[in-house]
Amino acid sequence: MVLLLDVGNTNIVLGLYEDKLVADWRLSTDFKKTADEYGIEVMQLFFHNDFKISDVEGVIISSVVPNIMYSLEHMIRKYFNINPIIVGPGIKTGINIKYDNPKEVGADRIVNAVAANEIYKKPLIIIDFGTATTFCAVKKNGDYIGGTICPGIRISSDALFERAAKLPRVELIKTPNVICKNTVNSMQSGIIYGYAGQVKYIVEKMKEEMIEMGEEEPFVVATGGLAKLIFDEANCIDRIDPFLTLEGLKIIYDKNKE
């Protein structure tokens, strides 16, 4: 089995792969936790789901949180007796990063691009609804040509609560109508429908630019915990793939395990 870890600013997503994805879990991202604290949490997940630590033959990690990596790498070496593969410079991915500075591209964006390119084999726009929402453009030949980064839905919601004295913190749910008759629903409407409009506009502009480059119309795939919230309203997403990042990690692991 292969243990996959995708470290984001809010959550660490773990996956266990054996021919296929057999388990997935989420832990809170907390750079204050020690290697032993993370080790105990991961061991409890394995024990609760009847998996054996000794059955793990390899580990791969992608991370956008540098200051947590010492604890996680130390945890993997101590509890699994494995040197993990870290997604970063020098790792084989199979895609060409056409960024001004390729080192600036987040590991999660690279992993998503690898997975989507391998699975769909089309020009792509990949949307990852995480702490930040990222839009990535990938040509059919695997060239990663760039993208856009926006504040995530939850960040946008929290900003209203934190910066406007009379506005409450609200649950992120879709209201039946855009025109609402109370403050909570009005905020929910503005956040969800406004964000859907932003997503639709960015996708339309990215499609135009990619078609001008000679690509056929891109296929739009979304991932991340809040993708379903926007899917129906944005009306521009072709598919939601909740495990896109984990699939990408497994593909990269296979390319580098030797």
Protein backbone atom coordinates (compact mmCIF):
# COMPACT_ATOMS: atom_id res chain seq x y z
CA MET A 1 0.00 0.00 0.00
CA VAL A 2 1.00 3.61 -0.56
CA LEU A 3 0.19 6.41 1.86
CA LEU A 4 -0.63 9.73 0.18
CA LEU A 5 -0.61 13.07 2.03
CA ASP A 6 -1.87 16.35 0.60
CA VAL A 7 -1.05 19.13 3.07
CA GLY A 8 -3.20 22.22 2.67
CA ASN A 9 -3.52 25.36 4.75
CA THR A 10 -6.67 24.11 6.49
CA ASN A 11 -6.59 20.31 6.23
CA ILE A 12 -4.22 17.43 5.61
CA VAL A 13 -5.93 14.93 3.31
CA LEU A 14 -4.61 11.38 3.62
CA GLY A 15 -5.27 8.54 1.23
CA LEU A 16 -4.35 4.88 1.28
CA TYR A 17 -3.86 3.29 -2.13
CA GLU A 18 -3.83 -0.42 -2.92
CA ASP A 19 -4.70 -0.99 -6.59
CA LYS A 20 -7.30 1.70 -5.93
CA LEU A 21 -8.02 4.27 -3.23
CA VAL A 22 -9.19 2.18 -0.26
CA ALA A 23 -9.41 4.90 2.41
CA ASP A 24 -9.27 8.67 2.77
CA TRP A 25 -9.17 10.85 5.88
CA ARG A 26 -8.78 14.50 6.91
CA LEU A 27 -6.73 15.96 9.74
CA SER A 28 -6.46 19.60 10.77
CA THR A 29 -3.31 21.35 9.60
CA ASP A 30 -1.51 22.46 12.75
CA PHE A 31 2.20 23.31 12.60
CA LYS A 32 2.31 23.26 16.42
CA LYS A 33 1.73 19.50 16.53
CA THR A 34 4.76 17.31 17.01
CA ALA A 35 5.74 14.30 14.94
CA ASP A 36 4.49 12.05 17.74
CA GLU A 37 1.11 13.77 17.90
CA TYR A 38 0.62 13.29 14.17
CA GLY A 39 1.95 9.75 14.46
CA ILE A 40 -0.64 8.85 17.11
CA GLU A 41 -3.45 10.32 15.03
CA VAL A 42 -2.42 8.41 11.91
CA MET A 43 -1.96 5.17 13.85
CA GLN A 44 -5.46 5.55 15.31
CA LEU A 45 -6.90 5.99 11.81
CA PHE A 46 -5.13 2.83 10.65
CA PHE A 47 -6.22 0.86 13.72
CA HIS A 48 -9.85 2.01 13.50
CA ASN A 49 -10.03 0.94 9.83
CA ASP A 50 -8.17 -2.39 10.28
CA PHE A 51 -5.09 -1.39 8.28
CA LYS A 52 -1.54 -2.29 9.29
CA ILE A 53 1.28 0.26 9.36
CA SER A 54 3.64 -2.52 8.22
CA ASP A 55 1.69 -2.93 4.97
CA VAL A 56 2.67 0.58 3.80
CA GLU A 57 5.55 0.31 1.34
CA GLY A 58 5.82 3.94 0.29
CA VAL A 59 4.75 7.47 1.22
CA ILE A 60 4.45 10.63 -0.87
CA ILE A 61 3.68 14.14 0.40
CA SER A 62 2.66 17.35 -1.35
CA SER A 63 2.51 20.46 0.80
CA VAL A 64 1.83 24.18 0.59
CA VAL A 65 2.71 24.62 4.30
CA PRO A 66 6.51 24.54 4.67
CA ASN A 67 6.63 24.92 8.45
CA ILE A 68 4.75 21.66 9.05
CA MET A 69 7.03 19.50 6.94
CA TYR A 70 9.66 18.75 9.59
CA SER A 71 7.05 17.16 11.87
CA LEU A 72 5.39 15.19 9.06
CA GLU A 73 8.64 13.89 7.55
CA HIS A 74 9.94 12.92 10.99
CA MET A 75 6.62 11.18 11.75
CA ILE A 76 6.81 9.14 8.53
CA ARG A 77 10.40 8.06 9.22
CA LYS A 78 9.69 7.20 12.87
CA TYR A 79 6.35 5.40 12.57
CA PHE A 80 6.59 3.92 9.06
CA ASN A 81 10.39 3.55 8.76
CA ILE A 82 10.15 5.07 5.27
CA ASN A 83 11.80 8.07 3.61
CA PRO A 84 8.86 9.87 1.97
CA ILE A 85 8.89 11.30 -1.54
CA ILE A 86 8.29 15.06 -1.34
CA VAL A 87 6.71 16.74 -4.37
CA GLY A 88 9.05 19.54 -5.40
CA PRO A 89 12.04 20.39 -7.57
CA GLY A 90 13.72 17.33 -9.07
CA ILE A 91 10.61 15.15 -8.92
CA LYS A 92 9.40 13.58 -12.17
CA THR A 93 5.85 14.68 -12.98
CA GLY A 94 5.40 14.24 -16.73
CA ILE A 95 4.20 17.82 -17.24
CA ASN A 96 6.09 20.90 -18.39
CA ILE A 97 5.66 23.96 -16.17
CA LYS A 98 5.65 27.11 -18.33
CA TYR A 99 5.58 29.52 -15.38
CA ASP A 100 7.98 32.49 -15.16
CA ASN A 101 9.43 30.78 -12.09
CA PRO A 102 8.35 27.13 -11.91
CA LYS A 103 9.31 26.98 -8.21
CA GLU A 104 6.42 29.36 -7.44
CA VAL A 105 3.77 26.85 -8.51
CA GLY A 106 2.20 25.19 -5.47
CA ALA A 107 2.71 21.46 -5.12
CA ASP A 108 -1.07 20.92 -5.00
CA ARG A 109 -1.50 22.64 -8.37
CA ILE A 110 1.22 20.49 -9.92
CA VAL A 111 -0.30 17.30 -8.53
CA ASN A 112 -3.77 18.23 -9.79
CA ALA A 113 -2.37 18.96 -13.23
CA VAL A 114 -0.57 15.61 -13.35
CA ALA A 115 -3.73 13.71 -12.42
CA ALA A 116 -6.07 15.55 -14.76
CA ASN A 117 -3.64 15.32 -17.70
CA GLU A 118 -3.24 11.59 -17.14
CA ILE A 119 -6.95 10.89 -16.67
CA TYR A 120 -8.65 13.17 -19.21
CA LYS A 121 -5.98 13.68 -21.91
CA LYS A 122 -7.57 16.97 -23.04
CA PRO A 123 -6.90 20.68 -22.74
CA LEU A 124 -7.89 21.42 -19.15
CA ILE A 125 -9.00 24.05 -16.71
CA ILE A 126 -8.61 22.67 -13.18
CA ILE A 127 -10.37 24.43 -10.30
CA ASP A 128 -9.38 23.55 -6.74
CA PHE A 129 -11.78 24.95 -4.13
CA GLY A 130 -9.55 25.04 -1.06
CA THR A 131 -8.48 27.72 1.39
CA ALA A 132 -7.64 29.62 -1.77
CA THR A 133 -9.40 28.80 -5.04
CA THR A 134 -6.93 28.07 -7.82
CA PHE A 135 -7.61 27.89 -11.55
CA CYS A 136 -4.96 26.09 -13.62
CA ALA A 137 -4.66 25.86 -17.41
CA VAL A 138 -3.03 22.78 -18.93
CA LYS A 139 -2.57 22.11 -22.63
CA LYS A 140 -3.38 18.73 -24.13
CA ASN A 141 0.36 17.99 -24.49
CA GLY A 142 0.86 18.43 -20.73
CA ASP A 143 2.18 21.99 -20.70
CA TYR A 144 1.12 23.77 -17.51
CA ILE A 145 0.71 27.34 -18.81
CA GLY A 146 -0.46 29.20 -15.71
CA GLY A 147 -3.63 30.19 -13.95
CA THR A 148 -5.39 32.36 -11.41
CA ILE A 149 -5.58 32.40 -7.59
CA CYS A 150 -8.57 33.83 -5.71
CA PRO A 151 -9.58 34.04 -2.05
CA GLY A 152 -11.47 30.88 -1.13
CA ILE A 153 -15.20 30.87 -0.43
CA ARG A 154 -14.70 30.50 3.31
CA ILE A 155 -12.09 33.27 3.40
CA SER A 156 -14.56 35.58 1.62
CA SER A 157 -17.29 34.67 4.09
CA ASP A 158 -15.03 35.14 7.11
CA ALA A 159 -13.92 38.56 5.84
CA LEU A 160 -17.51 39.82 5.95
CA PHE A 161 -17.89 38.65 9.54
CA GLU A 162 -14.54 39.99 10.69
CA ARG A 163 -14.63 43.38 8.95
CA ALA A 164 -18.31 44.38 9.24
CA ALA A 165 -19.44 44.89 12.83
CA LYS A 166 -23.11 44.00 12.40
CA LEU A 167 -22.73 41.02 10.09
CA PRO A 168 -22.73 37.53 11.64
CA ARG A 169 -20.75 34.45 10.68
CA VAL A 170 -22.99 32.36 8.42
CA GLU A 171 -23.20 28.76 7.24
CA LEU A 172 -22.20 28.30 3.61
CA ILE A 173 -25.44 27.08 2.05
CA LYS A 174 -27.29 28.05 -1.13
CA THR A 175 -30.47 30.08 -0.72
CA PRO A 176 -33.55 29.41 -2.91
CA ASN A 177 -33.48 32.98 -4.26
CA VAL A 178 -30.93 35.70 -4.89
CA ILE A 179 -33.30 38.34 -3.43
CA CYS A 180 -33.46 37.58 0.29
CA LYS A 181 -35.46 39.05 3.17
CA ASN A 182 -33.01 38.75 6.10
CA THR A 183 -29.36 39.44 6.75
CA VAL A 184 -28.16 35.84 7.07
CA ASN A 185 -29.80 34.72 3.82
CA SER A 186 -28.66 37.88 2.06
CA MET A 187 -25.06 37.13 3.01
CA GLN A 188 -25.41 33.50 1.94
CA SER A 189 -26.88 34.59 -1.38
CA GLY A 190 -24.13 37.10 -2.03
CA ILE A 191 -21.35 34.69 -1.10
CA ILE A 192 -22.60 31.66 -3.08
CA TYR A 193 -24.13 33.29 -6.15
CA GLY A 194 -21.45 35.96 -6.28
CA TYR A 195 -18.72 33.33 -6.11
CA ALA A 196 -20.43 31.25 -8.78
CA GLY A 197 -20.45 34.29 -11.06
CA GLN A 198 -16.75 34.84 -10.42
CA VAL A 199 -15.95 31.22 -11.27
CA LYS A 200 -18.01 31.32 -14.46
CA TYR A 201 -16.38 34.53 -15.66
CA ILE A 202 -12.82 33.34 -14.99
CA VAL A 203 -13.48 30.03 -16.76
CA GLU A 204 -14.95 31.84 -19.78
CA LYS A 205 -11.90 34.12 -20.04
CA MET A 206 -9.46 31.23 -19.63
CA LYS A 207 -11.27 29.25 -22.34
CA GLU A 208 -11.02 32.22 -24.71
CA GLU A 209 -7.29 32.58 -24.12
CA MET A 210 -6.59 28.86 -24.52
CA ILE A 211 -8.59 28.67 -27.75
CA GLU A 212 -6.60 31.66 -29.05
CA MET A 213 -3.46 29.58 -28.38
CA GLY A 214 -4.79 26.91 -30.72
CA GLU A 215 -6.23 24.51 -28.13
CA GLU A 216 -9.66 22.95 -28.50
CA GLU A 217 -12.24 24.00 -25.90
CA PRO A 218 -10.85 22.96 -22.50
CA PHE A 219 -12.49 20.40 -20.25
CA VAL A 220 -13.24 21.86 -16.81
CA VAL A 221 -12.67 19.66 -13.78
CA ALA A 222 -13.13 20.78 -10.17
CA THR A 223 -11.91 19.37 -6.89
CA GLY A 224 -11.79 20.46 -3.26
CA GLY A 225 -14.24 20.35 -0.40
CA LEU A 226 -16.48 23.19 -1.59
CA ALA A 227 -16.69 22.24 -5.28
CA LYS A 228 -20.21 20.79 -4.97
CA LEU A 229 -21.47 24.06 -3.51
CA ILE A 230 -20.63 25.96 -6.71
CA PHE A 231 -21.10 23.20 -9.31
CA ASP A 232 -24.80 23.73 -10.15
CA GLU A 233 -24.77 27.51 -10.12
CA ALA A 234 -21.55 28.17 -12.02
CA ASN A 235 -22.80 25.99 -14.90
CA CYS A 236 -19.31 25.79 -16.40
CA ILE A 237 -17.78 22.78 -14.62
CA ASP A 238 -17.81 19.53 -16.60
CA ARG A 239 -16.88 17.19 -13.75
CA ILE A 240 -16.19 17.13 -10.02
CA ASP A 241 -13.34 14.82 -9.05
CA PRO A 242 -13.03 14.85 -5.24
CA PHE A 243 -9.94 12.63 -5.22
CA LEU A 244 -8.03 14.32 -8.05
CA THR A 245 -5.10 15.35 -5.83
CA LEU A 246 -4.73 11.91 -4.27
CA GLU A 247 -4.81 10.30 -7.72
CA GLY A 248 -2.09 12.71 -8.83
CA LEU A 249 0.06 11.83 -5.85
CA LYS A 250 -0.17 8.14 -6.72
CA ILE A 251 0.80 8.83 -10.34
CA ILE A 252 3.83 10.88 -9.23
CA TYR A 253 4.78 8.19 -6.71
CA ASP A 254 4.83 5.58 -9.48
CA LYS A 255 7.07 7.80 -11.60
CA ASN A 256 9.57 8.30 -8.77
CA LYS A 257 9.47 5.20 -6.57
CA GLU A 258 12.64 3.71 -8.07
